[in-house]
C-alpha cells in the first residue's frame, strides 16, 4: 500500500541555501538536516573536505507535507544531472491571500511561468520557477473561498 508521495529536491552544492529559502518562503519547519560530514567514518570511503558541508538529507514540514532536500555527491553522475528540471511541485493552499504570499515569495529571484490568476478550478492559481530552477504550481482551494 502506498502511504503517500513526497517531493524530493536535489541541488548541486547549494542545498543549505535552498533549505533556508524554502523555510522562509513556505513557512516550512526544518525537522532534520544532516550533512555528508555527519556520516560515520568509513576508511574505505573518504569524504572530501569540500563535500562535508553539503546536505545529505533534509526534511522540511510544509503544512501536512514532507519536503525532502539533498545535494548531489560529486562524481560521474553529477555531470548528467540537470538541477531543477526533474521535479515540479504542486502546492495547495487554503485561500487566495496565502496563494499570493507563497507565489510572491517563490518568485523572488525566479521567473513567472503563469501569472497568479483565477481559473476554473481555483480562485488563485499560478506557476513560478524559483531561483533554484524548481517550478511550483500554486493553487488556492476553491472549496474554502
N, C-alpha and C. Protein backbone atom coordinates (compact mmCIF):
# COMPACT_ATOMS: atom_id res chain seq x y z
N UNK A 1 0.84 -1.19 0.00
CA UNK A 1 0.00 0.00 0.00
C UNK A 1 0.89 1.25 0.00
N UNK A 2 0.61 2.14 -0.90
CA UNK A 2 1.33 3.40 -0.93
C UNK A 2 0.73 4.33 0.10
N UNK A 3 1.57 4.87 0.97
CA UNK A 3 1.09 5.77 2.03
C UNK A 3 1.13 7.23 1.62
N UNK A 4 1.93 7.57 0.63
CA UNK A 4 2.00 8.96 0.19
C UNK A 4 3.19 9.20 -0.70
N UNK A 5 3.22 10.34 -1.29
CA UNK A 5 4.33 10.77 -2.13
C UNK A 5 4.87 12.08 -1.58
N UNK A 6 6.18 12.22 -1.62
CA UNK A 6 6.81 13.44 -1.14
C UNK A 6 7.75 13.97 -2.20
N UNK A 7 7.72 15.24 -2.47
CA UNK A 7 8.71 15.79 -3.39
C UNK A 7 10.10 15.76 -2.77
N UNK A 8 11.09 15.43 -3.59
CA UNK A 8 12.48 15.38 -3.15
C UNK A 8 13.28 16.21 -4.13
N UNK A 9 13.85 17.27 -3.64
CA UNK A 9 14.60 18.19 -4.49
C UNK A 9 16.08 18.00 -4.26
N UNK A 10 16.83 17.89 -5.35
CA UNK A 10 18.28 17.68 -5.26
C UNK A 10 18.99 18.86 -5.88
N UNK A 11 19.98 19.38 -5.15
CA UNK A 11 20.73 20.55 -5.58
C UNK A 11 22.20 20.21 -5.75
N UNK A 12 22.94 21.14 -6.32
CA UNK A 12 24.33 20.90 -6.64
C UNK A 12 25.26 21.74 -5.77
N UNK A 13 25.15 21.56 -4.45
CA UNK A 13 26.04 22.26 -3.54
C UNK A 13 25.41 23.44 -2.83
N UNK A 14 24.20 23.85 -3.23
CA UNK A 14 23.55 24.97 -2.55
C UNK A 14 22.31 24.52 -1.79
N UNK A 15 22.33 23.29 -1.30
CA UNK A 15 21.20 22.73 -0.56
C UNK A 15 20.87 23.50 0.72
N UNK A 16 21.89 23.95 1.45
CA UNK A 16 21.63 24.70 2.69
C UNK A 16 20.91 26.02 2.38
N UNK A 17 21.34 26.66 1.31
CA UNK A 17 20.68 27.90 0.89
C UNK A 17 19.23 27.62 0.51
N UNK A 18 18.99 26.50 -0.18
CA UNK A 18 17.63 26.12 -0.57
C UNK A 18 16.77 25.83 0.66
N UNK A 19 17.32 25.12 1.65
CA UNK A 19 16.58 24.82 2.88
C UNK A 19 16.15 26.13 3.54
N UNK A 20 17.07 27.07 3.66
CA UNK A 20 16.77 28.36 4.29
C UNK A 20 15.72 29.12 3.48
N UNK A 21 15.86 29.12 2.17
CA UNK A 21 14.91 29.82 1.30
C UNK A 21 13.50 29.25 1.45
N UNK A 22 13.36 27.91 1.38
CA UNK A 22 12.04 27.30 1.48
C UNK A 22 11.46 27.41 2.89
N UNK A 23 12.33 27.43 3.88
CA UNK A 23 11.87 27.62 5.26
C UNK A 23 11.14 28.96 5.36
N UNK A 24 11.73 30.00 4.76
CA UNK A 24 11.11 31.33 4.81
C UNK A 24 9.96 31.46 3.82
N UNK A 25 10.17 31.07 2.56
CA UNK A 25 9.18 31.27 1.51
C UNK A 25 7.90 30.48 1.76
N UNK A 26 8.03 29.29 2.33
CA UNK A 26 6.87 28.41 2.52
C UNK A 26 6.44 28.30 3.98
N UNK A 27 7.13 28.97 4.87
CA UNK A 27 6.82 28.83 6.29
C UNK A 27 7.08 27.41 6.77
N UNK A 28 8.09 26.77 6.18
CA UNK A 28 8.40 25.37 6.49
C UNK A 28 9.13 25.26 7.83
N UNK A 29 8.97 24.10 8.44
CA UNK A 29 9.71 23.79 9.66
C UNK A 29 10.78 22.78 9.29
N UNK A 30 12.03 23.08 9.60
CA UNK A 30 13.11 22.13 9.34
C UNK A 30 13.08 21.09 10.45
N UNK A 31 12.70 19.87 10.09
CA UNK A 31 12.58 18.79 11.06
C UNK A 31 13.95 18.15 11.30
N UNK A 32 14.71 17.98 10.23
CA UNK A 32 16.03 17.34 10.35
C UNK A 32 16.90 17.78 9.18
N UNK A 33 18.21 17.87 9.43
CA UNK A 33 19.15 18.13 8.36
C UNK A 33 20.49 17.52 8.74
N UNK A 34 21.00 16.71 7.81
CA UNK A 34 22.31 16.08 8.01
C UNK A 34 23.19 16.41 6.82
N UNK A 35 24.46 16.57 7.08
CA UNK A 35 25.41 16.82 6.00
C UNK A 35 26.19 15.53 5.73
N UNK A 36 26.89 15.51 4.60
CA UNK A 36 27.74 14.35 4.31
C UNK A 36 28.82 14.21 5.37
N UNK A 37 29.21 15.31 5.99
CA UNK A 37 30.20 15.27 7.06
C UNK A 37 29.68 14.60 8.33
N UNK A 38 28.36 14.47 8.45
CA UNK A 38 27.77 13.81 9.62
C UNK A 38 27.79 12.29 9.50
N UNK A 39 28.16 11.79 8.31
CA UNK A 39 28.18 10.34 8.13
C UNK A 39 29.27 9.72 9.01
N UNK A 40 29.05 8.48 9.46
CA UNK A 40 30.10 7.81 10.25
C UNK A 40 31.36 7.62 9.40
N UNK A 41 32.50 7.66 10.05
CA UNK A 41 33.77 7.45 9.34
C UNK A 41 33.80 6.07 8.69
N UNK A 42 34.31 6.03 7.47
CA UNK A 42 34.47 4.78 6.73
C UNK A 42 35.82 4.85 6.04
N UNK A 43 36.81 4.10 6.52
CA UNK A 43 38.16 4.18 5.93
C UNK A 43 38.18 3.86 4.44
N UNK A 44 37.24 3.08 3.96
CA UNK A 44 37.19 2.74 2.54
C UNK A 44 36.49 3.78 1.69
N UNK A 45 35.92 4.80 2.33
CA UNK A 45 35.18 5.83 1.60
C UNK A 45 35.42 7.17 2.27
N UNK A 46 36.47 7.84 1.84
CA UNK A 46 36.81 9.14 2.40
C UNK A 46 35.93 10.22 1.76
N UNK A 47 35.42 11.11 2.58
CA UNK A 47 34.61 12.21 2.08
C UNK A 47 35.51 13.43 1.94
N UNK A 48 35.59 13.98 0.72
CA UNK A 48 36.42 15.17 0.53
C UNK A 48 35.96 16.31 1.44
N UNK A 49 36.90 17.09 1.91
CA UNK A 49 36.61 18.19 2.84
C UNK A 49 35.55 19.14 2.28
N UNK A 50 35.63 19.45 0.98
CA UNK A 50 34.71 20.41 0.37
C UNK A 50 33.28 19.87 0.22
N UNK A 51 33.10 18.57 0.45
CA UNK A 51 31.78 17.94 0.34
C UNK A 51 31.10 17.80 1.71
N UNK A 52 31.88 17.83 2.76
CA UNK A 52 31.34 17.57 4.11
C UNK A 52 30.20 18.49 4.51
N UNK A 53 30.18 19.72 4.02
CA UNK A 53 29.12 20.65 4.41
C UNK A 53 27.87 20.53 3.53
N UNK A 54 27.95 19.77 2.45
CA UNK A 54 26.77 19.60 1.58
C UNK A 54 25.67 18.83 2.32
N UNK A 55 24.43 19.12 1.96
CA UNK A 55 23.28 18.48 2.60
C UNK A 55 23.13 17.06 2.08
N UNK A 56 23.24 16.10 2.99
CA UNK A 56 23.00 14.71 2.63
C UNK A 56 21.49 14.44 2.61
N UNK A 57 20.78 14.99 3.60
CA UNK A 57 19.33 14.83 3.67
C UNK A 57 18.74 15.89 4.59
N UNK A 58 17.71 16.56 4.11
CA UNK A 58 16.96 17.50 4.95
C UNK A 58 15.49 17.16 4.81
N UNK A 59 14.78 17.26 5.91
CA UNK A 59 13.34 17.03 5.94
C UNK A 59 12.68 18.30 6.44
N UNK A 60 11.83 18.88 5.61
CA UNK A 60 11.08 20.07 5.96
C UNK A 60 9.61 19.71 6.01
N UNK A 61 8.90 20.26 6.98
CA UNK A 61 7.46 20.07 7.10
C UNK A 61 6.80 21.33 6.57
N UNK A 62 5.98 21.19 5.53
CA UNK A 62 5.24 22.30 4.93
C UNK A 62 3.77 21.93 5.05
N UNK A 63 3.09 22.50 6.02
CA UNK A 63 1.71 22.08 6.29
C UNK A 63 1.73 20.61 6.69
N UNK A 64 0.95 19.79 5.98
CA UNK A 64 0.91 18.35 6.25
C UNK A 64 1.85 17.56 5.35
N UNK A 65 2.69 18.24 4.58
CA UNK A 65 3.52 17.60 3.57
C UNK A 65 4.99 17.61 3.98
N UNK A 66 5.68 16.54 3.67
CA UNK A 66 7.12 16.48 3.86
C UNK A 66 7.81 16.88 2.56
N UNK A 67 8.76 17.79 2.65
CA UNK A 67 9.60 18.18 1.52
C UNK A 67 11.01 17.76 1.88
N UNK A 68 11.62 16.97 1.00
CA UNK A 68 12.97 16.48 1.26
C UNK A 68 13.95 17.13 0.30
N UNK A 69 15.13 17.41 0.81
CA UNK A 69 16.16 18.11 0.04
C UNK A 69 17.50 17.44 0.28
N UNK A 70 18.30 17.36 -0.77
CA UNK A 70 19.69 16.94 -0.62
C UNK A 70 20.54 17.60 -1.69
N UNK A 71 21.84 17.54 -1.51
CA UNK A 71 22.80 17.95 -2.53
C UNK A 71 23.32 16.71 -3.24
N UNK A 72 23.83 16.90 -4.44
CA UNK A 72 24.49 15.80 -5.13
C UNK A 72 25.82 15.52 -4.41
N UNK A 73 26.31 14.32 -4.58
CA UNK A 73 27.65 13.98 -4.13
C UNK A 73 28.51 14.02 -5.38
N UNK A 74 29.56 14.84 -5.40
CA UNK A 74 30.35 14.99 -6.63
C UNK A 74 30.87 13.65 -7.16
N UNK A 75 30.80 13.52 -8.45
CA UNK A 75 31.27 12.31 -9.11
C UNK A 75 30.71 12.23 -10.51
N UNK A 76 30.86 11.08 -11.15
CA UNK A 76 30.44 10.92 -12.55
C UNK A 76 28.96 11.21 -12.79
N UNK A 77 28.09 10.87 -11.83
CA UNK A 77 26.65 11.09 -12.00
C UNK A 77 26.29 12.57 -12.02
N UNK A 78 27.13 13.40 -11.43
CA UNK A 78 26.83 14.82 -11.28
C UNK A 78 26.78 15.53 -12.64
N UNK A 79 27.60 15.12 -13.59
CA UNK A 79 27.65 15.81 -14.88
C UNK A 79 26.40 15.60 -15.72
N UNK A 80 25.68 14.49 -15.50
CA UNK A 80 24.47 14.25 -16.27
C UNK A 80 23.22 14.74 -15.56
N UNK A 81 23.39 15.26 -14.37
CA UNK A 81 22.28 15.69 -13.54
C UNK A 81 21.88 17.12 -13.91
N UNK A 82 20.60 17.35 -14.20
CA UNK A 82 20.13 18.69 -14.52
C UNK A 82 19.31 19.22 -13.34
N UNK A 83 19.86 20.20 -12.67
CA UNK A 83 19.23 20.75 -11.48
C UNK A 83 17.87 21.37 -11.80
N UNK A 84 16.86 21.00 -11.01
CA UNK A 84 15.56 21.62 -11.08
C UNK A 84 14.60 21.08 -12.11
N UNK A 85 15.10 20.61 -13.23
CA UNK A 85 14.21 20.22 -14.32
C UNK A 85 13.52 18.88 -14.09
N UNK A 86 13.97 18.09 -13.17
CA UNK A 86 13.43 16.76 -12.96
C UNK A 86 12.22 16.73 -12.04
N UNK A 87 11.90 17.84 -11.40
CA UNK A 87 10.80 17.85 -10.43
C UNK A 87 10.02 19.16 -10.54
N UNK A 88 8.70 19.05 -10.50
CA UNK A 88 7.87 20.22 -10.26
C UNK A 88 7.05 19.89 -9.03
N UNK A 89 6.62 20.91 -8.33
CA UNK A 89 5.91 20.69 -7.09
C UNK A 89 4.59 21.46 -7.13
N UNK A 90 3.53 20.76 -6.78
CA UNK A 90 2.22 21.39 -6.67
C UNK A 90 1.96 21.68 -5.21
N UNK A 91 1.61 22.92 -4.91
CA UNK A 91 1.36 23.29 -3.53
C UNK A 91 -0.06 23.85 -3.41
N UNK A 92 -0.86 23.16 -2.62
CA UNK A 92 -2.25 23.57 -2.38
C UNK A 92 -2.29 24.41 -1.12
N UNK A 93 -2.97 25.55 -1.21
CA UNK A 93 -3.10 26.43 -0.05
C UNK A 93 -4.58 26.68 0.24
N UNK A 94 -4.86 27.21 1.40
CA UNK A 94 -6.25 27.32 1.85
C UNK A 94 -7.02 28.48 1.23
N UNK A 95 -6.32 29.56 0.82
CA UNK A 95 -7.07 30.73 0.33
C UNK A 95 -6.21 31.56 -0.62
N UNK A 96 -6.86 32.51 -1.30
CA UNK A 96 -6.19 33.33 -2.31
C UNK A 96 -5.08 34.21 -1.72
N UNK A 97 -5.28 34.72 -0.52
CA UNK A 97 -4.25 35.56 0.10
C UNK A 97 -2.98 34.75 0.37
N UNK A 98 -3.15 33.54 0.87
CA UNK A 98 -1.99 32.68 1.11
C UNK A 98 -1.33 32.33 -0.22
N UNK A 99 -2.13 32.08 -1.25
CA UNK A 99 -1.58 31.78 -2.58
C UNK A 99 -0.70 32.94 -3.05
N UNK A 100 -1.18 34.14 -2.90
CA UNK A 100 -0.42 35.33 -3.33
C UNK A 100 0.89 35.42 -2.55
N UNK A 101 0.84 35.24 -1.24
CA UNK A 101 2.06 35.33 -0.40
C UNK A 101 3.09 34.28 -0.79
N UNK A 102 2.64 33.04 -0.97
CA UNK A 102 3.56 31.95 -1.33
C UNK A 102 4.13 32.19 -2.73
N UNK A 103 3.26 32.55 -3.66
CA UNK A 103 3.67 32.80 -5.04
C UNK A 103 4.73 33.90 -5.09
N UNK A 104 4.47 35.00 -4.41
CA UNK A 104 5.41 36.13 -4.41
C UNK A 104 6.74 35.74 -3.76
N UNK A 105 6.69 34.96 -2.70
CA UNK A 105 7.93 34.53 -2.04
C UNK A 105 8.76 33.64 -2.95
N UNK A 106 8.11 32.70 -3.63
CA UNK A 106 8.82 31.79 -4.53
C UNK A 106 9.35 32.51 -5.76
N UNK A 107 8.67 33.53 -6.17
CA UNK A 107 9.03 34.30 -7.36
C UNK A 107 10.27 35.16 -7.14
N UNK A 108 10.61 35.45 -5.88
CA UNK A 108 11.76 36.28 -5.55
C UNK A 108 13.03 35.67 -6.15
N UNK A 109 13.60 36.32 -7.14
CA UNK A 109 14.81 35.83 -7.79
C UNK A 109 14.54 34.78 -8.85
N UNK A 110 13.27 34.46 -9.07
CA UNK A 110 12.90 33.45 -10.07
C UNK A 110 12.22 34.08 -11.26
N UNK A 111 11.37 33.29 -11.93
CA UNK A 111 10.65 33.82 -13.09
C UNK A 111 9.23 33.26 -13.14
N UNK A 112 8.34 34.08 -13.65
CA UNK A 112 6.93 33.71 -13.77
C UNK A 112 6.74 32.79 -14.97
N UNK A 113 6.05 31.69 -14.75
CA UNK A 113 5.66 30.79 -15.84
C UNK A 113 4.22 31.13 -16.23
N UNK A 114 3.36 31.29 -15.22
CA UNK A 114 1.97 31.68 -15.41
C UNK A 114 1.59 32.62 -14.28
N UNK A 115 1.13 33.81 -14.63
CA UNK A 115 0.73 34.79 -13.61
C UNK A 115 -0.33 34.18 -12.69
N UNK A 116 -0.32 34.59 -11.44
CA UNK A 116 -1.33 34.17 -10.49
C UNK A 116 -2.68 34.73 -10.95
N UNK A 117 -3.68 33.85 -11.09
CA UNK A 117 -4.97 34.26 -11.65
C UNK A 117 -6.07 33.29 -11.26
N UNK A 118 -7.31 33.71 -11.47
CA UNK A 118 -8.45 32.84 -11.24
C UNK A 118 -8.54 31.85 -12.40
N UNK A 119 -8.80 30.59 -12.06
CA UNK A 119 -9.01 29.55 -13.08
C UNK A 119 -10.33 28.85 -12.76
N UNK A 120 -10.71 27.92 -13.61
CA UNK A 120 -11.97 27.21 -13.35
C UNK A 120 -11.89 26.30 -12.14
N UNK A 121 -10.70 25.95 -11.69
CA UNK A 121 -10.56 25.08 -10.52
C UNK A 121 -10.08 25.80 -9.27
N UNK A 122 -9.66 27.05 -9.42
CA UNK A 122 -9.08 27.75 -8.28
C UNK A 122 -9.32 29.26 -8.38
N UNK A 123 -9.57 29.90 -7.26
CA UNK A 123 -9.69 31.36 -7.28
C UNK A 123 -8.33 32.05 -7.44
N UNK A 124 -7.25 31.29 -7.28
CA UNK A 124 -5.92 31.86 -7.37
C UNK A 124 -4.91 30.76 -7.69
N UNK A 125 -4.49 30.71 -8.96
CA UNK A 125 -3.55 29.68 -9.41
C UNK A 125 -2.46 30.35 -10.26
N UNK A 126 -1.23 29.90 -10.09
CA UNK A 126 -0.13 30.40 -10.90
C UNK A 126 1.04 29.44 -10.86
N UNK A 127 1.95 29.64 -11.79
CA UNK A 127 3.17 28.82 -11.85
C UNK A 127 4.37 29.74 -11.84
N UNK A 128 5.37 29.36 -11.08
CA UNK A 128 6.58 30.15 -10.98
C UNK A 128 7.78 29.21 -10.86
N UNK A 129 8.86 29.57 -11.53
CA UNK A 129 10.11 28.84 -11.38
C UNK A 129 10.99 29.66 -10.45
N UNK A 130 11.38 29.06 -9.31
CA UNK A 130 12.15 29.82 -8.33
C UNK A 130 13.60 29.98 -8.75
N UNK A 131 14.35 30.68 -7.95
CA UNK A 131 15.74 30.98 -8.30
C UNK A 131 16.65 29.76 -8.35
N UNK A 132 16.13 28.60 -7.88
CA UNK A 132 16.91 27.37 -7.94
C UNK A 132 16.53 26.52 -9.15
N UNK A 133 15.57 27.00 -9.98
CA UNK A 133 15.16 26.26 -11.16
C UNK A 133 14.03 25.28 -10.92
N UNK A 134 13.42 25.30 -9.73
CA UNK A 134 12.30 24.40 -9.42
C UNK A 134 11.00 25.12 -9.78
N UNK A 135 10.14 24.43 -10.54
CA UNK A 135 8.86 25.02 -10.94
C UNK A 135 7.78 24.60 -9.95
N UNK A 136 7.02 25.59 -9.49
CA UNK A 136 5.96 25.41 -8.49
C UNK A 136 4.61 25.76 -9.11
N UNK A 137 3.60 24.96 -8.80
CA UNK A 137 2.21 25.22 -9.15
C UNK A 137 1.53 25.62 -7.85
N UNK A 138 1.11 26.87 -7.73
CA UNK A 138 0.47 27.37 -6.51
C UNK A 138 -1.02 27.47 -6.77
N UNK A 139 -1.82 26.81 -5.93
CA UNK A 139 -3.26 26.76 -6.16
C UNK A 139 -4.03 26.89 -4.84
N UNK A 140 -4.94 27.87 -4.81
CA UNK A 140 -5.81 28.04 -3.65
C UNK A 140 -7.00 27.08 -3.78
N UNK A 141 -7.45 26.58 -2.66
CA UNK A 141 -8.57 25.65 -2.62
C UNK A 141 -9.87 26.39 -2.90
N UNK A 142 -10.58 25.99 -3.96
CA UNK A 142 -11.83 26.64 -4.34
C UNK A 142 -12.92 26.41 -3.31
N UNK A 143 -12.94 25.28 -2.68
CA UNK A 143 -14.00 24.92 -1.73
C UNK A 143 -13.95 25.78 -0.47
N UNK A 144 -12.80 26.37 -0.16
CA UNK A 144 -12.66 27.11 1.09
C UNK A 144 -12.88 28.61 0.91
N UNK A 145 -13.27 29.06 -0.27
CA UNK A 145 -13.44 30.50 -0.53
C UNK A 145 -14.79 30.99 -0.10
